[in-house]
Amino acid sequence: MATYTKLDEIDLPAVSERYGLRDSQLEPLKGGAANSSFHLSSASGDFTLTILDNHDLVSAQRLATHTQAVYRLGVPTTEVVPDLDGALITTFDGRPVVLKKWITGEVLQPLPIPLLPEAGRILAQLHSLAPESEGLADLPVGTRRLSPEQLDAIPHFADNELHLILREPLSAGG
């Protein structure tokens, strides 16, 4: 389990300097299962600052690289903001940190049933990305993403469109 970072543990002037931000303010965000996230507003715009409490440097770099790759491939996710040196992650007090562009919205828990088909389409899009795409070379491919039990459950989905979306990329080896 992660040891969460608190607002008063963050050196906001150092973060702002690392990313070239002016007039920054920080506010904690609710939720999160493994990391500490904050809304960072500045003269340059709004961002999410995430302290990757549950990551080491290698896994943090992998997460940032994958996030940036799927963003560039058109999957609806946030864009990672590099620091002034071009790095996707940085460290403060030995903890990996990532800055992402802010997405205005609301977290709905649980996800409402009318949004499930769209969530399924986005997951299918994610799973159909070419594994040779830049930034994704170390991701599992094909059916290794789903267990045999999960694959066997697909034909029994009530949403036939989701069933077809999932089966098509899997049968193509994507």
N, C-alpha and C. Protein backbone atom coordinates (compact mmCIF):
# COMPACT_ATOMS: atom_id res chain seq x y z
N MET A 1 0.84 -1.18 0.00
CA MET A 1 0.00 0.00 0.00
C MET A 1 0.88 1.24 0.00
N ALA A 2 0.46 2.24 -0.68
CA ALA A 2 1.23 3.46 -0.82
C ALA A 2 1.20 4.29 0.46
N THR A 3 2.28 4.99 0.72
CA THR A 3 2.29 6.02 1.75
C THR A 3 2.02 7.31 1.00
N TYR A 4 0.88 7.92 1.24
CA TYR A 4 0.46 9.06 0.45
C TYR A 4 1.20 10.34 0.82
N THR A 5 1.40 11.17 -0.18
CA THR A 5 2.05 12.46 -0.01
C THR A 5 0.99 13.50 0.34
N LYS A 6 1.30 14.31 1.31
CA LYS A 6 0.37 15.38 1.74
C LYS A 6 0.80 16.70 1.12
N LEU A 7 -0.15 17.61 1.01
CA LEU A 7 0.06 18.91 0.38
C LEU A 7 1.27 19.63 0.97
N ASP A 8 1.41 19.63 2.30
CA ASP A 8 2.50 20.38 2.92
C ASP A 8 3.87 19.73 2.73
N GLU A 9 3.92 18.56 2.10
CA GLU A 9 5.19 17.88 1.81
C GLU A 9 5.72 18.23 0.42
N ILE A 10 4.96 19.00 -0.33
CA ILE A 10 5.35 19.33 -1.70
C ILE A 10 5.99 20.71 -1.75
N ASP A 11 7.16 20.78 -2.34
CA ASP A 11 7.87 22.04 -2.53
C ASP A 11 7.36 22.65 -3.84
N LEU A 12 6.25 23.40 -3.75
CA LEU A 12 5.62 23.96 -4.96
C LEU A 12 6.55 24.87 -5.75
N PRO A 13 7.35 25.72 -5.12
CA PRO A 13 8.28 26.52 -5.92
C PRO A 13 9.25 25.67 -6.73
N ALA A 14 9.72 24.56 -6.16
CA ALA A 14 10.64 23.68 -6.89
C ALA A 14 9.93 23.00 -8.06
N VAL A 15 8.70 22.55 -7.83
CA VAL A 15 7.91 21.93 -8.91
C VAL A 15 7.68 22.95 -10.02
N SER A 16 7.28 24.15 -9.64
CA SER A 16 7.00 25.20 -10.63
C SER A 16 8.24 25.54 -11.44
N GLU A 17 9.37 25.62 -10.77
CA GLU A 17 10.62 25.91 -11.47
C GLU A 17 10.97 24.79 -12.44
N ARG A 18 10.80 23.53 -12.03
CA ARG A 18 11.15 22.38 -12.87
C ARG A 18 10.31 22.36 -14.15
N TYR A 19 9.07 22.84 -14.07
CA TYR A 19 8.18 22.82 -15.24
C TYR A 19 7.99 24.19 -15.89
N GLY A 20 8.65 25.21 -15.38
CA GLY A 20 8.54 26.54 -15.97
C GLY A 20 7.17 27.18 -15.77
N LEU A 21 6.58 26.95 -14.61
CA LEU A 21 5.24 27.47 -14.31
C LEU A 21 5.34 28.70 -13.41
N ARG A 22 4.40 29.63 -13.58
CA ARG A 22 4.37 30.84 -12.75
C ARG A 22 3.05 30.90 -11.99
N ASP A 23 3.09 31.55 -10.85
CA ASP A 23 1.89 31.78 -10.04
C ASP A 23 1.12 30.49 -9.78
N SER A 24 1.80 29.48 -9.33
CA SER A 24 1.19 28.16 -9.13
C SER A 24 0.48 28.06 -7.79
N GLN A 25 -0.62 27.32 -7.82
CA GLN A 25 -1.36 26.98 -6.61
C GLN A 25 -1.67 25.50 -6.68
N LEU A 26 -1.76 24.87 -5.52
CA LEU A 26 -1.93 23.43 -5.46
C LEU A 26 -3.08 23.09 -4.51
N GLU A 27 -3.89 22.13 -4.94
CA GLU A 27 -5.02 21.68 -4.12
C GLU A 27 -5.14 20.16 -4.26
N PRO A 28 -5.29 19.44 -3.14
CA PRO A 28 -5.39 17.98 -3.22
C PRO A 28 -6.65 17.53 -3.95
N LEU A 29 -6.53 16.40 -4.65
CA LEU A 29 -7.69 15.79 -5.29
C LEU A 29 -8.13 14.59 -4.46
N LYS A 30 -9.42 14.36 -4.41
CA LYS A 30 -9.96 13.22 -3.68
C LYS A 30 -9.72 11.94 -4.47
N GLY A 31 -9.74 10.83 -3.75
CA GLY A 31 -9.66 9.53 -4.39
C GLY A 31 -8.23 9.10 -4.64
N GLY A 32 -8.11 8.11 -5.48
CA GLY A 32 -6.79 7.56 -5.78
C GLY A 32 -6.54 6.33 -4.94
N ALA A 33 -6.07 5.28 -5.57
CA ALA A 33 -5.85 4.03 -4.87
C ALA A 33 -4.38 3.79 -4.55
N ALA A 34 -3.49 4.47 -5.25
CA ALA A 34 -2.09 4.16 -5.06
C ALA A 34 -1.17 5.37 -5.11
N ASN A 35 -1.65 6.51 -5.55
CA ASN A 35 -0.80 7.69 -5.71
C ASN A 35 -1.50 8.91 -5.14
N SER A 36 -0.76 10.01 -5.03
CA SER A 36 -1.31 11.27 -4.52
C SER A 36 -1.39 12.26 -5.67
N SER A 37 -2.59 12.77 -5.93
CA SER A 37 -2.77 13.70 -7.04
C SER A 37 -3.29 15.04 -6.55
N PHE A 38 -2.85 16.09 -7.26
CA PHE A 38 -3.17 17.45 -6.88
C PHE A 38 -3.54 18.25 -8.13
N HIS A 39 -4.48 19.17 -7.98
CA HIS A 39 -4.82 20.11 -9.05
C HIS A 39 -3.82 21.26 -8.93
N LEU A 40 -3.01 21.44 -9.94
CA LEU A 40 -2.04 22.52 -9.98
C LEU A 40 -2.54 23.55 -10.98
N SER A 41 -2.89 24.72 -10.49
CA SER A 41 -3.31 25.80 -11.39
C SER A 41 -2.18 26.83 -11.42
N SER A 42 -1.96 27.38 -12.62
CA SER A 42 -0.87 28.34 -12.80
C SER A 42 -1.25 29.31 -13.91
N ALA A 43 -0.40 30.30 -14.10
CA ALA A 43 -0.61 31.24 -15.20
C ALA A 43 -0.51 30.53 -16.55
N SER A 44 0.14 29.38 -16.59
CA SER A 44 0.29 28.61 -17.83
C SER A 44 -0.86 27.66 -18.08
N GLY A 45 -1.74 27.48 -17.12
CA GLY A 45 -2.87 26.58 -17.29
C GLY A 45 -3.07 25.68 -16.09
N ASP A 46 -3.94 24.70 -16.26
CA ASP A 46 -4.27 23.76 -15.19
C ASP A 46 -3.67 22.39 -15.49
N PHE A 47 -3.20 21.73 -14.43
CA PHE A 47 -2.51 20.45 -14.56
C PHE A 47 -2.90 19.54 -13.39
N THR A 48 -2.60 18.26 -13.57
CA THR A 48 -2.67 17.31 -12.47
C THR A 48 -1.24 16.92 -12.14
N LEU A 49 -0.85 17.18 -10.91
CA LEU A 49 0.46 16.77 -10.42
C LEU A 49 0.25 15.49 -9.64
N THR A 50 0.90 14.42 -10.06
CA THR A 50 0.76 13.13 -9.38
C THR A 50 2.09 12.70 -8.82
N ILE A 51 2.10 12.48 -7.51
CA ILE A 51 3.26 11.90 -6.85
C ILE A 51 3.03 10.39 -6.91
N LEU A 52 3.90 9.69 -7.59
CA LEU A 52 3.74 8.25 -7.83
C LEU A 52 4.25 7.48 -6.62
N ASP A 53 3.48 7.58 -5.53
CA ASP A 53 3.86 6.99 -4.25
C ASP A 53 4.06 5.48 -4.33
N ASN A 54 3.39 4.83 -5.25
CA ASN A 54 3.41 3.38 -5.34
C ASN A 54 4.29 2.88 -6.50
N HIS A 55 5.25 3.71 -6.92
CA HIS A 55 6.12 3.37 -8.05
C HIS A 55 7.57 3.61 -7.69
N ASP A 56 8.44 2.83 -8.33
CA ASP A 56 9.86 3.16 -8.32
C ASP A 56 10.13 3.94 -9.61
N LEU A 57 11.37 4.35 -9.82
CA LEU A 57 11.68 5.16 -11.00
C LEU A 57 11.42 4.43 -12.31
N VAL A 58 11.72 3.14 -12.36
CA VAL A 58 11.52 2.36 -13.59
C VAL A 58 10.04 2.25 -13.92
N SER A 59 9.22 1.87 -12.95
CA SER A 59 7.78 1.72 -13.23
C SER A 59 7.13 3.07 -13.49
N ALA A 60 7.61 4.13 -12.84
CA ALA A 60 7.08 5.48 -13.09
C ALA A 60 7.37 5.91 -14.52
N GLN A 61 8.59 5.67 -14.98
CA GLN A 61 8.96 6.02 -16.36
C GLN A 61 8.12 5.22 -17.35
N ARG A 62 7.92 3.94 -17.07
CA ARG A 62 7.10 3.10 -17.94
C ARG A 62 5.66 3.63 -18.01
N LEU A 63 5.10 3.98 -16.86
CA LEU A 63 3.74 4.51 -16.82
C LEU A 63 3.63 5.80 -17.63
N ALA A 64 4.56 6.72 -17.43
CA ALA A 64 4.52 7.99 -18.16
C ALA A 64 4.70 7.78 -19.66
N THR A 65 5.61 6.89 -20.04
CA THR A 65 5.84 6.59 -21.46
C THR A 65 4.60 5.97 -22.09
N HIS A 66 3.98 5.01 -21.41
CA HIS A 66 2.76 4.38 -21.93
C HIS A 66 1.62 5.39 -22.03
N THR A 67 1.47 6.23 -21.01
CA THR A 67 0.39 7.24 -21.03
C THR A 67 0.58 8.19 -22.20
N GLN A 68 1.79 8.66 -22.40
CA GLN A 68 2.06 9.58 -23.51
C GLN A 68 1.85 8.88 -24.85
N ALA A 69 2.24 7.63 -24.95
CA ALA A 69 2.09 6.88 -26.21
C ALA A 69 0.62 6.70 -26.56
N VAL A 70 -0.20 6.27 -25.60
CA VAL A 70 -1.61 6.06 -25.93
C VAL A 70 -2.31 7.39 -26.20
N TYR A 71 -1.89 8.46 -25.55
CA TYR A 71 -2.43 9.79 -25.86
C TYR A 71 -2.14 10.15 -27.32
N ARG A 72 -0.89 9.96 -27.73
CA ARG A 72 -0.50 10.31 -29.11
C ARG A 72 -1.16 9.41 -30.14
N LEU A 73 -1.58 8.22 -29.74
CA LEU A 73 -2.26 7.30 -30.65
C LEU A 73 -3.78 7.50 -30.66
N GLY A 74 -4.25 8.54 -29.97
CA GLY A 74 -5.66 8.92 -30.06
C GLY A 74 -6.58 8.33 -29.02
N VAL A 75 -6.05 7.62 -28.04
CA VAL A 75 -6.90 7.12 -26.96
C VAL A 75 -7.21 8.30 -26.04
N PRO A 76 -8.47 8.48 -25.67
CA PRO A 76 -8.81 9.63 -24.83
C PRO A 76 -8.25 9.48 -23.41
N THR A 77 -7.11 10.09 -23.20
CA THR A 77 -6.46 10.15 -21.89
C THR A 77 -5.75 11.49 -21.82
N THR A 78 -5.14 11.75 -20.71
CA THR A 78 -4.46 13.02 -20.54
C THR A 78 -3.06 12.99 -21.14
N GLU A 79 -2.57 14.15 -21.47
CA GLU A 79 -1.23 14.28 -22.03
C GLU A 79 -0.22 14.53 -20.90
N VAL A 80 0.89 13.82 -20.94
CA VAL A 80 1.96 14.03 -19.97
C VAL A 80 2.74 15.27 -20.39
N VAL A 81 3.04 16.12 -19.42
CA VAL A 81 3.77 17.36 -19.67
C VAL A 81 5.24 17.14 -19.28
N PRO A 82 6.16 17.23 -20.23
CA PRO A 82 7.57 17.06 -19.88
C PRO A 82 8.08 18.24 -19.05
N ASP A 83 9.10 18.00 -18.25
CA ASP A 83 9.72 19.10 -17.51
C ASP A 83 10.58 19.91 -18.50
N LEU A 84 11.23 20.93 -18.01
CA LEU A 84 12.00 21.80 -18.90
C LEU A 84 13.15 21.08 -19.60
N ASP A 85 13.59 19.95 -19.05
CA ASP A 85 14.65 19.15 -19.68
C ASP A 85 14.08 18.12 -20.65
N GLY A 86 12.74 18.04 -20.77
CA GLY A 86 12.11 17.09 -21.67
C GLY A 86 11.78 15.75 -21.04
N ALA A 87 12.04 15.59 -19.74
CA ALA A 87 11.77 14.32 -19.07
C ALA A 87 10.28 14.19 -18.73
N LEU A 88 9.73 12.98 -18.93
CA LEU A 88 8.31 12.75 -18.63
C LEU A 88 8.06 12.57 -17.13
N ILE A 89 9.07 12.14 -16.40
CA ILE A 89 8.95 12.08 -14.94
C ILE A 89 10.12 12.83 -14.34
N THR A 90 9.93 13.24 -13.13
CA THR A 90 10.99 13.88 -12.37
C THR A 90 10.88 13.35 -10.95
N THR A 91 11.78 13.74 -10.09
CA THR A 91 11.69 13.30 -8.70
C THR A 91 11.80 14.49 -7.77
N PHE A 92 11.11 14.39 -6.65
CA PHE A 92 11.22 15.34 -5.56
C PHE A 92 11.28 14.51 -4.29
N ASP A 93 12.28 14.79 -3.47
CA ASP A 93 12.48 14.03 -2.23
C ASP A 93 12.51 12.54 -2.49
N GLY A 94 13.09 12.13 -3.62
CA GLY A 94 13.22 10.72 -3.94
C GLY A 94 11.96 10.05 -4.47
N ARG A 95 10.87 10.80 -4.62
CA ARG A 95 9.61 10.23 -5.12
C ARG A 95 9.40 10.62 -6.58
N PRO A 96 9.01 9.66 -7.44
CA PRO A 96 8.73 10.01 -8.83
C PRO A 96 7.46 10.86 -8.94
N VAL A 97 7.51 11.80 -9.86
CA VAL A 97 6.42 12.76 -10.06
C VAL A 97 6.14 12.86 -11.56
N VAL A 98 4.86 12.98 -11.90
CA VAL A 98 4.46 13.21 -13.29
C VAL A 98 3.46 14.36 -13.29
N LEU A 99 3.58 15.22 -14.30
CA LEU A 99 2.64 16.33 -14.48
C LEU A 99 1.85 16.05 -15.75
N LYS A 100 0.52 16.18 -15.66
CA LYS A 100 -0.35 15.91 -16.81
C LYS A 100 -1.27 17.09 -17.02
N LYS A 101 -1.68 17.29 -18.26
CA LYS A 101 -2.65 18.34 -18.54
C LYS A 101 -3.96 18.01 -17.83
N TRP A 102 -4.59 19.02 -17.32
CA TRP A 102 -5.84 18.90 -16.58
C TRP A 102 -7.00 18.59 -17.52
N ILE A 103 -7.83 17.66 -17.13
CA ILE A 103 -9.07 17.38 -17.86
C ILE A 103 -10.22 17.74 -16.93
N THR A 104 -11.00 18.72 -17.35
CA THR A 104 -12.15 19.12 -16.55
C THR A 104 -13.20 18.04 -16.61
N GLY A 105 -13.76 17.71 -15.49
CA GLY A 105 -14.80 16.68 -15.47
C GLY A 105 -15.10 16.24 -14.07
N GLU A 106 -15.75 15.12 -14.00
CA GLU A 106 -16.19 14.58 -12.72
C GLU A 106 -15.96 13.07 -12.72
N VAL A 107 -15.47 12.54 -11.63
CA VAL A 107 -15.28 11.11 -11.49
C VAL A 107 -16.59 10.51 -10.99
N LEU A 108 -17.12 9.56 -11.73
CA LEU A 108 -18.38 8.92 -11.36
C LEU A 108 -18.08 7.52 -10.86
N GLN A 109 -18.44 7.26 -9.61
CA GLN A 109 -18.23 5.95 -9.00
C GLN A 109 -19.54 5.44 -8.44
N PRO A 110 -20.04 4.34 -8.86
CA PRO A 110 -19.56 3.53 -9.98
C PRO A 110 -19.92 4.18 -11.31
N LEU A 111 -19.31 3.71 -12.37
CA LEU A 111 -19.59 4.22 -13.70
C LEU A 111 -21.04 3.93 -14.04
N PRO A 112 -21.82 4.94 -14.42
CA PRO A 112 -23.23 4.71 -14.75
C PRO A 112 -23.40 3.77 -15.95
N ILE A 113 -24.41 2.94 -15.89
CA ILE A 113 -24.66 1.94 -16.94
C ILE A 113 -24.71 2.56 -18.33
N PRO A 114 -25.34 3.73 -18.55
CA PRO A 114 -25.35 4.29 -19.91
C PRO A 114 -23.96 4.61 -20.47
N LEU A 115 -22.96 4.74 -19.62
CA LEU A 115 -21.60 5.04 -20.10
C LEU A 115 -20.77 3.79 -20.36
N LEU A 116 -21.27 2.62 -19.98
CA LEU A 116 -20.50 1.39 -20.17
C LEU A 116 -20.17 1.08 -21.63
N PRO A 117 -21.10 1.26 -22.58
CA PRO A 117 -20.71 1.00 -23.98
C PRO A 117 -19.54 1.87 -24.46
N GLU A 118 -19.54 3.14 -24.07
CA GLU A 118 -18.43 4.02 -24.46
C GLU A 118 -17.14 3.58 -23.77
N ALA A 119 -17.22 3.19 -22.51
CA ALA A 119 -16.04 2.68 -21.81
C ALA A 119 -15.52 1.43 -22.51
N GLY A 120 -16.42 0.56 -22.95
CA GLY A 120 -16.02 -0.65 -23.68
C GLY A 120 -15.35 -0.32 -24.99
N ARG A 121 -15.86 0.69 -25.71
CA ARG A 121 -15.23 1.09 -26.98
C ARG A 121 -13.81 1.63 -26.74
N ILE A 122 -13.66 2.40 -25.67
CA ILE A 122 -12.33 2.95 -25.37
C ILE A 122 -11.37 1.82 -24.98
N LEU A 123 -11.85 0.86 -24.19
CA LEU A 123 -11.00 -0.28 -23.84
C LEU A 123 -10.62 -1.09 -25.07
N ALA A 124 -11.58 -1.28 -25.97
CA ALA A 124 -11.28 -2.00 -27.21
C ALA A 124 -10.24 -1.24 -28.03
N GLN A 125 -10.38 0.08 -28.09
CA GLN A 125 -9.40 0.91 -28.80
C GLN A 125 -8.02 0.74 -28.18
N LEU A 126 -7.97 0.77 -26.87
CA LEU A 126 -6.71 0.60 -26.16
C LEU A 126 -6.08 -0.77 -26.47
N HIS A 127 -6.90 -1.80 -26.43
CA HIS A 127 -6.38 -3.15 -26.65
C HIS A 127 -6.07 -3.43 -28.11
N SER A 128 -6.53 -2.59 -29.01
CA SER A 128 -6.24 -2.83 -30.42
C SER A 128 -5.04 -2.03 -30.92
N LEU A 129 -4.39 -1.28 -30.05
CA LEU A 129 -3.21 -0.53 -30.46
C LEU A 129 -2.11 -1.49 -30.92
N ALA A 130 -1.41 -1.09 -31.94
CA ALA A 130 -0.31 -1.90 -32.46
C ALA A 130 0.81 -1.97 -31.42
N PRO A 131 1.19 -3.18 -31.02
CA PRO A 131 2.22 -3.30 -29.98
C PRO A 131 3.58 -2.75 -30.39
N GLU A 132 3.79 -2.60 -31.69
CA GLU A 132 5.07 -2.05 -32.14
C GLU A 132 5.07 -0.53 -32.14
N SER A 133 3.97 0.11 -31.74
CA SER A 133 3.90 1.56 -31.68
C SER A 133 4.94 2.09 -30.70
N GLU A 134 5.47 3.26 -31.02
CA GLU A 134 6.47 3.87 -30.14
C GLU A 134 5.90 4.04 -28.74
N GLY A 135 6.65 3.60 -27.75
CA GLY A 135 6.24 3.72 -26.36
C GLY A 135 5.46 2.53 -25.83
N LEU A 136 5.11 1.57 -26.71
CA LEU A 136 4.30 0.44 -26.28
C LEU A 136 5.00 -0.90 -26.44
N ALA A 137 6.27 -0.90 -26.81
CA ALA A 137 6.96 -2.14 -27.15
C ALA A 137 6.96 -3.18 -26.03
N ASP A 138 6.88 -2.77 -24.78
CA ASP A 138 6.95 -3.75 -23.70
C ASP A 138 5.58 -4.14 -23.15
N LEU A 139 4.50 -3.75 -23.84
CA LEU A 139 3.16 -4.17 -23.41
C LEU A 139 2.85 -5.57 -23.92
N PRO A 140 2.06 -6.33 -23.16
CA PRO A 140 1.63 -7.64 -23.67
C PRO A 140 0.75 -7.48 -24.90
N VAL A 141 0.73 -8.49 -25.77
CA VAL A 141 -0.06 -8.41 -26.99
C VAL A 141 -1.08 -9.54 -27.05
N GLY A 142 -2.06 -9.34 -27.95
CA GLY A 142 -3.05 -10.37 -28.22
C GLY A 142 -3.80 -10.80 -26.98
N THR A 143 -4.04 -12.06 -26.88
CA THR A 143 -4.87 -12.59 -25.81
C THR A 143 -4.13 -12.67 -24.48
N ARG A 144 -2.84 -12.34 -24.45
CA ARG A 144 -2.14 -12.34 -23.16
C ARG A 144 -2.67 -11.25 -22.25
N ARG A 145 -3.43 -10.30 -22.80
CA ARG A 145 -4.01 -9.25 -21.98
C ARG A 145 -5.21 -9.76 -21.19
N LEU A 146 -5.86 -10.81 -21.65
CA LEU A 146 -7.04 -11.37 -20.98
C LEU A 146 -6.76 -12.81 -20.60
N SER A 147 -7.27 -13.20 -19.45
CA SER A 147 -7.13 -14.60 -19.03
C SER A 147 -8.06 -15.47 -19.86
N PRO A 148 -7.84 -16.78 -19.88
CA PRO A 148 -8.77 -17.68 -20.60
C PRO A 148 -10.21 -17.54 -20.09
N GLU A 149 -10.38 -17.35 -18.80
CA GLU A 149 -11.73 -17.18 -18.25
C GLU A 149 -12.39 -15.90 -18.78
N GLN A 150 -11.61 -14.83 -18.89
CA GLN A 150 -12.15 -13.57 -19.41
C GLN A 150 -12.52 -13.72 -20.89
N LEU A 151 -11.67 -14.40 -21.66
CA LEU A 151 -11.97 -14.63 -23.07
C LEU A 151 -13.24 -15.45 -23.24
N ASP A 152 -13.41 -16.48 -22.41
CA ASP A 152 -14.60 -17.33 -22.48
C ASP A 152 -15.87 -16.57 -22.13
N ALA A 153 -15.75 -15.51 -21.35
CA ALA A 153 -16.93 -14.75 -20.93
C ALA A 153 -17.42 -13.79 -22.02
N ILE A 154 -16.57 -13.39 -22.95
CA ILE A 154 -16.93 -12.38 -23.96
C ILE A 154 -18.17 -12.76 -24.76
N PRO A 155 -18.31 -13.97 -25.27
CA PRO A 155 -19.50 -14.27 -26.07
C PRO A 155 -20.82 -14.19 -25.28
N HIS A 156 -20.74 -14.17 -23.98
CA HIS A 156 -21.93 -14.13 -23.15
C HIS A 156 -22.33 -12.72 -22.72
N PHE A 157 -21.60 -11.71 -23.20
CA PHE A 157 -21.94 -10.33 -22.85
C PHE A 157 -23.32 -9.98 -23.41
N ALA A 158 -24.10 -9.26 -22.63
CA ALA A 158 -25.42 -8.80 -23.09
C ALA A 158 -25.28 -7.79 -24.22
N ASP A 159 -24.22 -7.01 -24.20
CA ASP A 159 -23.97 -5.99 -25.23
C ASP A 159 -23.25 -6.66 -26.39
N ASN A 160 -23.99 -7.04 -27.43
CA ASN A 160 -23.41 -7.75 -28.57
C ASN A 160 -22.38 -6.90 -29.31
N GLU A 161 -22.61 -5.58 -29.34
CA GLU A 161 -21.66 -4.70 -30.02
C GLU A 161 -20.30 -4.74 -29.32
N LEU A 162 -20.30 -4.73 -27.99
CA LEU A 162 -19.05 -4.83 -27.24
C LEU A 162 -18.39 -6.18 -27.51
N HIS A 163 -19.18 -7.24 -27.56
CA HIS A 163 -18.67 -8.58 -27.87
C HIS A 163 -17.92 -8.55 -29.20
N LEU A 164 -18.53 -7.95 -30.23
CA LEU A 164 -17.90 -7.89 -31.55
C LEU A 164 -16.65 -7.02 -31.55
N ILE A 165 -16.71 -5.88 -30.83
CA ILE A 165 -15.56 -4.99 -30.76
C ILE A 165 -14.38 -5.72 -30.13
N LEU A 166 -14.64 -6.46 -29.07
CA LEU A 166 -13.56 -7.17 -28.37
C LEU A 166 -13.00 -8.32 -29.19
N ARG A 167 -13.86 -9.09 -29.82
CA ARG A 167 -13.42 -10.28 -30.54
C ARG A 167 -12.62 -9.92 -31.79
N GLU A 168 -13.01 -8.88 -32.50
CA GLU A 168 -12.34 -8.50 -33.75
C GLU A 168 -10.84 -8.25 -33.54
N PRO A 169 -10.45 -7.34 -32.63
CA PRO A 169 -9.00 -7.12 -32.45
C PRO A 169 -8.30 -8.36 -31.90
N LEU A 170 -8.94 -9.15 -31.05
CA LEU A 170 -8.30 -10.32 -30.49
C LEU A 170 -8.05 -11.37 -31.56
N SER A 171 -9.00 -11.57 -32.46
CA SER A 171 -8.82 -12.56 -33.49
C SER A 171 -7.77 -12.13 -34.50
N ALA A 172 -7.54 -10.83 -34.61
CA ALA A 172 -6.53 -10.31 -35.53
C ALA A 172 -5.15 -10.30 -34.87
N GLY A 173 -5.09 -10.73 -33.61
CA GLY A 173 -3.80 -10.77 -32.91
C GLY A 173 -3.40 -9.45 -32.30
N GLY A 174 -4.33 -8.47 -32.25
CA GLY A 174 -3.99 -7.14 -31.72
C GLY A 174 -4.21 -7.00 -30.27
